[in-house]
C-alpha atoms as a PDB file:
ATOM      1  CA  MET A   1      -5.487  22.559 -13.703  1.00  0.00           C
ATOM      2  CA  THR A   2      -8.081  24.980 -15.003  1.00  0.00           C
ATOM      3  CA  PRO A   3     -10.968  26.074 -12.865  1.00  0.00           C
ATOM      4  CA  GLU A   4     -13.272  23.883 -15.394  1.00  0.00           C
ATOM      5  CA  GLN A   5     -11.124  20.873 -14.788  1.00  0.00           C
ATOM      6  CA  VAL A   6     -11.470  21.378 -10.993  1.00  0.00           C
ATOM      7  CA  ARG A   7     -15.220  21.503 -11.256  1.00  0.00           C
ATOM      8  CA  LEU A   8     -15.346  18.420 -13.477  1.00  0.00           C
ATOM      9  CA  VAL A   9     -13.289  16.515 -10.796  1.00  0.00           C
ATOM     10  CA  GLN A  10     -15.342  17.743  -7.911  1.00  0.00           C
ATOM     11  CA  ASP A  11     -18.649  17.225  -9.612  1.00  0.00           C
ATOM     12  CA  SER A  12     -17.820  13.702 -10.791  1.00  0.00           C
ATOM     13  CA  PHE A  13     -16.340  12.664  -7.395  1.00  0.00           C
ATOM     14  CA  ALA A  14     -19.730  13.812  -5.737  1.00  0.00           C
ATOM     15  CA  LYS A  15     -21.152  11.034  -7.965  1.00  0.00           C
ATOM     16  CA  VAL A  16     -18.856   8.487  -6.807  1.00  0.00           C
ATOM     17  CA  ARG A  17     -18.988   9.315  -3.052  1.00  0.00           C
ATOM     18  CA  PRO A  18     -22.376   7.474  -2.506  1.00  0.00           C
ATOM     19  CA  ILE A  19     -20.767   4.276  -4.003  1.00  0.00           C
ATOM     20  CA  ALA A  20     -17.472   4.738  -2.203  1.00  0.00           C
ATOM     21  CA  GLY A  21     -17.205   1.179  -0.906  1.00  0.00           C
ATOM     22  CA  THR A  22     -17.872  -0.337  -4.425  1.00  0.00           C
ATOM     23  CA  ALA A  23     -15.411   2.227  -5.941  1.00  0.00           C
ATOM     24  CA  ALA A  24     -12.659   1.198  -3.463  1.00  0.00           C
ATOM     25  CA  ASP A  25     -13.441  -2.524  -4.273  1.00  0.00           C
ATOM     26  CA  LEU A  26     -13.285  -1.853  -7.947  1.00  0.00           C
ATOM     27  CA  PHE A  27      -9.967   0.140  -7.677  1.00  0.00           C
ATOM     28  CA  TYR A  28      -8.166  -2.138  -5.650  1.00  0.00           C
ATOM     29  CA  ASP A  29      -9.415  -5.281  -7.595  1.00  0.00           C
ATOM     30  CA  ARG A  30      -8.140  -3.496 -10.670  1.00  0.00           C
ATOM     31  CA  LEU A  31      -4.825  -2.619  -9.341  1.00  0.00           C
ATOM     32  CA  PHE A  32      -3.963  -5.988  -8.138  1.00  0.00           C
ATOM     33  CA  GLU A  33      -5.107  -7.477 -11.598  1.00  0.00           C
ATOM     34  CA  ILE A  34      -2.847  -4.973 -13.675  1.00  0.00           C
ATOM     35  CA  ALA A  35       0.105  -4.957 -11.083  1.00  0.00           C
ATOM     36  CA  PRO A  36      -0.184  -8.024  -8.941  1.00  0.00           C
ATOM     37  CA  ARG A  37       3.303  -7.414  -7.501  1.00  0.00           C
ATOM     38  CA  VAL A  38       1.976  -4.421  -5.553  1.00  0.00           C
ATOM     39  CA  ARG A  39      -0.493  -6.819  -3.415  1.00  0.00           C
ATOM     40  CA  ASP A  40       2.195  -7.564  -1.120  1.00  0.00           C
ATOM     41  CA  LEU A  41       2.531  -3.831   0.029  1.00  0.00           C
ATOM     42  CA  PHE A  42      -0.983  -4.046   1.448  1.00  0.00           C
ATOM     43  CA  PRO A  43      -2.469  -5.743   4.358  1.00  0.00           C
ATOM     44  CA  GLY A  44      -4.500  -8.853   4.045  1.00  0.00           C
ATOM     45  CA  ASP A  45      -7.539  -7.195   5.358  1.00  0.00           C
ATOM     46  CA  MET A  46      -8.216  -4.288   3.202  1.00  0.00           C
ATOM     47  CA  THR A  47     -11.182  -2.635   4.958  1.00  0.00           C
ATOM     48  CA  GLU A  48      -9.270   0.143   6.586  1.00  0.00           C
ATOM     49  CA  GLN A  49      -7.041   0.733   3.469  1.00  0.00           C
ATOM     50  CA  LYS A  50     -10.232   1.209   1.332  1.00  0.00           C
ATOM     51  CA  GLN A  51     -11.551   3.769   3.681  1.00  0.00           C
ATOM     52  CA  LYS A  52      -8.270   5.457   3.688  1.00  0.00           C
ATOM     53  CA  LEU A  53      -8.201   5.629   0.009  1.00  0.00           C
ATOM     54  CA  MET A  54     -11.594   7.283  -0.297  1.00  0.00           C
ATOM     55  CA  ALA A  55     -10.815   9.706   2.405  1.00  0.00           C
ATOM     56  CA  MET A  56      -7.656  10.726   0.820  1.00  0.00           C
ATOM     57  CA  LEU A  57      -9.278  11.146  -2.521  1.00  0.00           C
ATOM     58  CA  GLY A  58     -12.077  13.192  -0.778  1.00  0.00           C
ATOM     59  CA  LEU A  59      -9.445  15.427   0.766  1.00  0.00           C
ATOM     60  CA  ALA A  60      -7.560  15.980  -2.555  1.00  0.00           C
ATOM     61  CA  VAL A  61     -10.540  16.630  -4.542  1.00  0.00           C
ATOM     62  CA  ALA A  62     -12.242  19.064  -2.104  1.00  0.00           C
ATOM     63  CA  ASN A  63      -9.121  20.946  -1.702  1.00  0.00           C
ATOM     64  CA  LEU A  64      -7.916  21.229  -5.356  1.00  0.00           C
ATOM     65  CA  ASN A  65      -8.141  24.978  -5.210  1.00  0.00           C
ATOM     66  CA  ARG A  66      -6.402  25.214  -1.872  1.00  0.00           C
ATOM     67  CA  PRO A  67      -2.935  23.584  -2.572  1.00  0.00           C
ATOM     68  CA  ASP A  68      -1.648  24.931   0.988  1.00  0.00           C
ATOM     69  CA  THR A  69      -4.248  22.453   2.416  1.00  0.00           C
ATOM     70  CA  VAL A  70      -3.546  19.527   0.147  1.00  0.00           C
ATOM     71  CA  VAL A  71       0.117  19.501  -0.699  1.00  0.00           C
ATOM     72  CA  PRO A  72       1.361  18.812   2.965  1.00  0.00           C
ATOM     73  CA  ALA A  73      -1.100  15.741   3.276  1.00  0.00           C
ATOM     74  CA  LEU A  74       0.079  14.482  -0.017  1.00  0.00           C
ATOM     75  CA  GLN A  75       3.753  14.985   0.872  1.00  0.00           C
ATOM     76  CA  ASP A  76       3.271  13.039   4.084  1.00  0.00           C
ATOM     77  CA  LEU A  77       1.329  10.333   2.279  1.00  0.00           C
ATOM     78  CA  GLY A  78       4.328  10.069  -0.480  1.00  0.00           C
ATOM     79  CA  ARG A  79       6.866   9.687   2.334  1.00  0.00           C
ATOM     80  CA  LYS A  80       4.729   6.932   4.022  1.00  0.00           C
ATOM     81  CA  HIS A  81       4.215   5.161   0.672  1.00  0.00           C
ATOM     82  CA  ALA A  82       8.091   5.149   0.273  1.00  0.00           C
ATOM     83  CA  ALA A  83       8.424   3.707   3.764  1.00  0.00           C
ATOM     84  CA  TYR A  84       6.098   0.884   2.902  1.00  0.00           C
ATOM     85  CA  GLY A  85       8.215   0.043  -0.304  1.00  0.00           C
ATOM     86  CA  ALA A  86       6.127   1.981  -2.968  1.00  0.00           C
ATOM     87  CA  GLN A  87       8.292   2.895  -5.902  1.00  0.00           C
ATOM     88  CA  ASP A  88       7.934   5.347  -8.803  1.00  0.00           C
ATOM     89  CA  SER A  89       6.846   2.690 -11.098  1.00  0.00           C
ATOM     90  CA  HIS A  90       3.754   1.781  -8.988  1.00  0.00           C
ATOM     91  CA  TYR A  91       2.252   5.084  -9.633  1.00  0.00           C
ATOM     92  CA  ALA A  92       1.366   4.397 -13.425  1.00  0.00           C
ATOM     93  CA  PRO A  93      -0.767   1.418 -12.603  1.00  0.00           C
ATOM     94  CA  VAL A  94      -2.340   3.340  -9.587  1.00  0.00           C
ATOM     95  CA  GLY A  95      -3.377   5.950 -11.980  1.00  0.00           C
ATOM     96  CA  ALA A  96      -4.736   3.550 -14.569  1.00  0.00           C
ATOM     97  CA  ALA A  97      -6.684   1.708 -11.908  1.00  0.00           C
ATOM     98  CA  LEU A  98      -8.021   5.068 -10.772  1.00  0.00           C
ATOM     99  CA  LEU A  99      -9.178   5.996 -14.161  1.00  0.00           C
ATOM    100  CA  TRP A 100     -10.619   2.617 -14.857  1.00  0.00           C
ATOM    101  CA  THR A 101     -12.619   2.690 -11.602  1.00  0.00           C
ATOM    102  CA  LEU A 102     -14.007   6.125 -12.477  1.00  0.00           C
ATOM    103  CA  GLU A 103     -15.187   4.968 -15.700  1.00  0.00           C
ATOM    104  CA  GLN A 104     -16.868   1.994 -14.245  1.00  0.00           C
ATOM    105  CA  GLY A 105     -18.411   4.101 -11.542  1.00  0.00           C
ATOM    106  CA  LEU A 106     -19.517   6.920 -13.590  1.00  0.00           C
ATOM    107  CA  GLY A 107     -20.575   5.228 -16.851  1.00  0.00           C
ATOM    108  CA  PRO A 108     -21.533   7.685 -19.480  1.00  0.00           C
ATOM    109  CA  ASP A 109     -20.883  10.635 -17.250  1.00  0.00           C
ATOM    110  CA  PHE A 110     -17.106   9.736 -17.659  1.00  0.00           C
ATOM    111  CA  THR A 111     -16.654  11.911 -20.635  1.00  0.00           C
ATOM    112  CA  PRO A 112     -13.461  12.641 -22.324  1.00  0.00           C
ATOM    113  CA  GLU A 113     -13.225  15.913 -20.584  1.00  0.00           C
ATOM    114  CA  VAL A 114     -13.784  14.180 -17.161  1.00  0.00           C
ATOM    115  CA  ARG A 115     -11.046  11.561 -17.940  1.00  0.00           C
ATOM    116  CA  GLU A 116      -8.663  14.391 -18.928  1.00  0.00           C
ATOM    117  CA  ALA A 117      -9.586  16.347 -15.707  1.00  0.00           C
ATOM    118  CA  TRP A 118      -8.934  13.303 -13.522  1.00  0.00           C
ATOM    119  CA  ALA A 119      -5.832  12.297 -15.311  1.00  0.00           C
ATOM    120  CA  GLU A 120      -4.425  15.865 -14.687  1.00  0.00           C
ATOM    121  CA  THR A 121      -5.440  15.553 -11.024  1.00  0.00           C
ATOM    122  CA  TYR A 122      -3.703  12.405 -10.526  1.00  0.00           C
ATOM    123  CA  ALA A 123      -0.601  13.572 -12.443  1.00  0.00           C
ATOM    124  CA  LEU A 124      -0.354  16.570  -9.913  1.00  0.00           C
ATOM    125  CA  VAL A 125      -1.047  14.047  -6.965  1.00  0.00           C
ATOM    126  CA  ALA A 126       1.348  11.587  -7.978  1.00  0.00           C
ATOM    127  CA  GLY A 127       3.971  14.179  -8.736  1.00  0.00           C
ATOM    128  CA  VAL A 128       3.838  15.658  -5.303  1.00  0.00           C
ATOM    129  CA  MET A 129       4.040  12.263  -3.596  1.00  0.00           C
ATOM    130  CA  LYS A 130       6.773  11.102  -5.765  1.00  0.00           C
ATOM    131  CA  GLN A 131       8.797  14.241  -5.045  1.00  0.00           C
ATOM    132  CA  ALA A 132       8.415  13.896  -1.256  1.00  0.00           C
ATOM    133  CA  ALA A 133       9.315  10.249  -1.518  1.00  0.00           C
ATOM    134  CA  ALA A 134      12.459  11.070  -3.278  1.00  0.00           C
ATOM    135  CA  GLY A 135      13.313  13.767  -0.638  1.00  0.00           C
ATOM    136  CA  ALA A 136      12.877  11.221   2.178  1.00  0.00           C
ATOM    137  CA  ALA A 137      15.034   8.686   0.636  1.00  0.00           C
END
């Protein structure tokens, strides 16, 4: 990622943070709409899960310039997701739901450049998680 992409992701996430609860609702509603089979991987009460999502996104975004901080957390998350039954094929709809959620939350501030920066961020995050999951298998 370029320094400009890091700045775009961090600046746009700062605009999402005040609506974190709504963003988490939008994300999971969209995910379960486009990938209904993954619903069974989650608890019935999504309150804690939604908080975890926003916390992990916050950690990843804040540390985009410090891979030594974020990579171990993402590797651990990837191994946990694998233990819960997550598969490589689940990462694409998660990414789609994330980009859709950001588009809804940011409105006109979700420019093509911001979209591309987030897509790159998610590709990196998913790549680290999938690699760790594969190593745990």
